[in-house]
Amino acid sequence: MKEAFIHPLIQNMLCSYKSLMKPSNVKLSR
């Protein structure tokens, strides 16, 4: 995937999504 062309806002959303996917944050999410 061309992540270099992804807009900063989308990158921020991906970072937030990855943060939610982290095991340490899963307990906080649920």
C-alpha atoms as a PDB file:
ATOM      1  CA  MET A   1       0.000   0.000   0.000  1.00  0.00           C
ATOM      2  CA  LYS A   2       1.185   3.533  -0.732  1.00  0.00           C
ATOM      3  CA  GLU A   3       1.270   4.811   2.832  1.00  0.00           C
ATOM      4  CA  ALA A   4       3.447   7.712   1.708  1.00  0.00           C
ATOM      5  CA  PHE A   5       0.491   9.156  -0.187  1.00  0.00           C
ATOM      6  CA  ILE A   6      -1.980   8.693   2.673  1.00  0.00           C
ATOM      7  CA  HIS A   7      -3.270  11.971   4.082  1.00  0.00           C
ATOM      8  CA  PRO A   8      -2.037  12.995   7.572  1.00  0.00           C
ATOM      9  CA  LEU A   9      -5.588  12.787   8.930  1.00  0.00           C
ATOM     10  CA  ILE A  10      -5.900   9.208   7.716  1.00  0.00           C
ATOM     11  CA  GLN A  11      -2.478   8.408   9.179  1.00  0.00           C
ATOM     12  CA  ASN A  12      -3.670   9.807  12.500  1.00  0.00           C
ATOM     13  CA  MET A  13      -6.760   7.599  12.318  1.00  0.00           C
ATOM     14  CA  LEU A  14      -4.589   4.572  11.534  1.00  0.00           C
ATOM     15  CA  CYS A  15      -2.358   5.381  14.511  1.00  0.00           C
ATOM     16  CA  SER A  16      -5.412   5.631  16.749  1.00  0.00           C
ATOM     17  CA  TYR A  17      -6.737   2.370  15.355  1.00  0.00           C
ATOM     18  CA  LYS A  18      -3.405   0.622  15.942  1.00  0.00           C
ATOM     19  CA  SER A  19      -3.374   2.020  19.474  1.00  0.00           C
ATOM     20  CA  LEU A  20      -6.791   0.486  20.089  1.00  0.00           C
ATOM     21  CA  MET A  21      -5.539  -2.816  18.693  1.00  0.00           C
ATOM     22  CA  LYS A  22      -2.704  -2.903  21.234  1.00  0.00           C
ATOM     23  CA  PRO A  23      -3.273  -5.535  23.974  1.00  0.00           C
ATOM     24  CA  SER A  24      -2.573  -2.937  26.675  1.00  0.00           C
ATOM     25  CA  ASN A  25      -5.417  -0.754  25.414  1.00  0.00           C
ATOM     26  CA  VAL A  26      -7.902  -3.506  24.615  1.00  0.00           C
ATOM     27  CA  LYS A  27      -8.820  -3.797  28.297  1.00  0.00           C
ATOM     28  CA  LEU A  28      -9.426  -0.054  28.411  1.00  0.00           C
ATOM     29  CA  SER A  29     -11.523  -0.124  25.246  1.00  0.00           C
ATOM     30  CA  ARG A  30     -13.817  -2.842  26.586  1.00  0.00           C
END
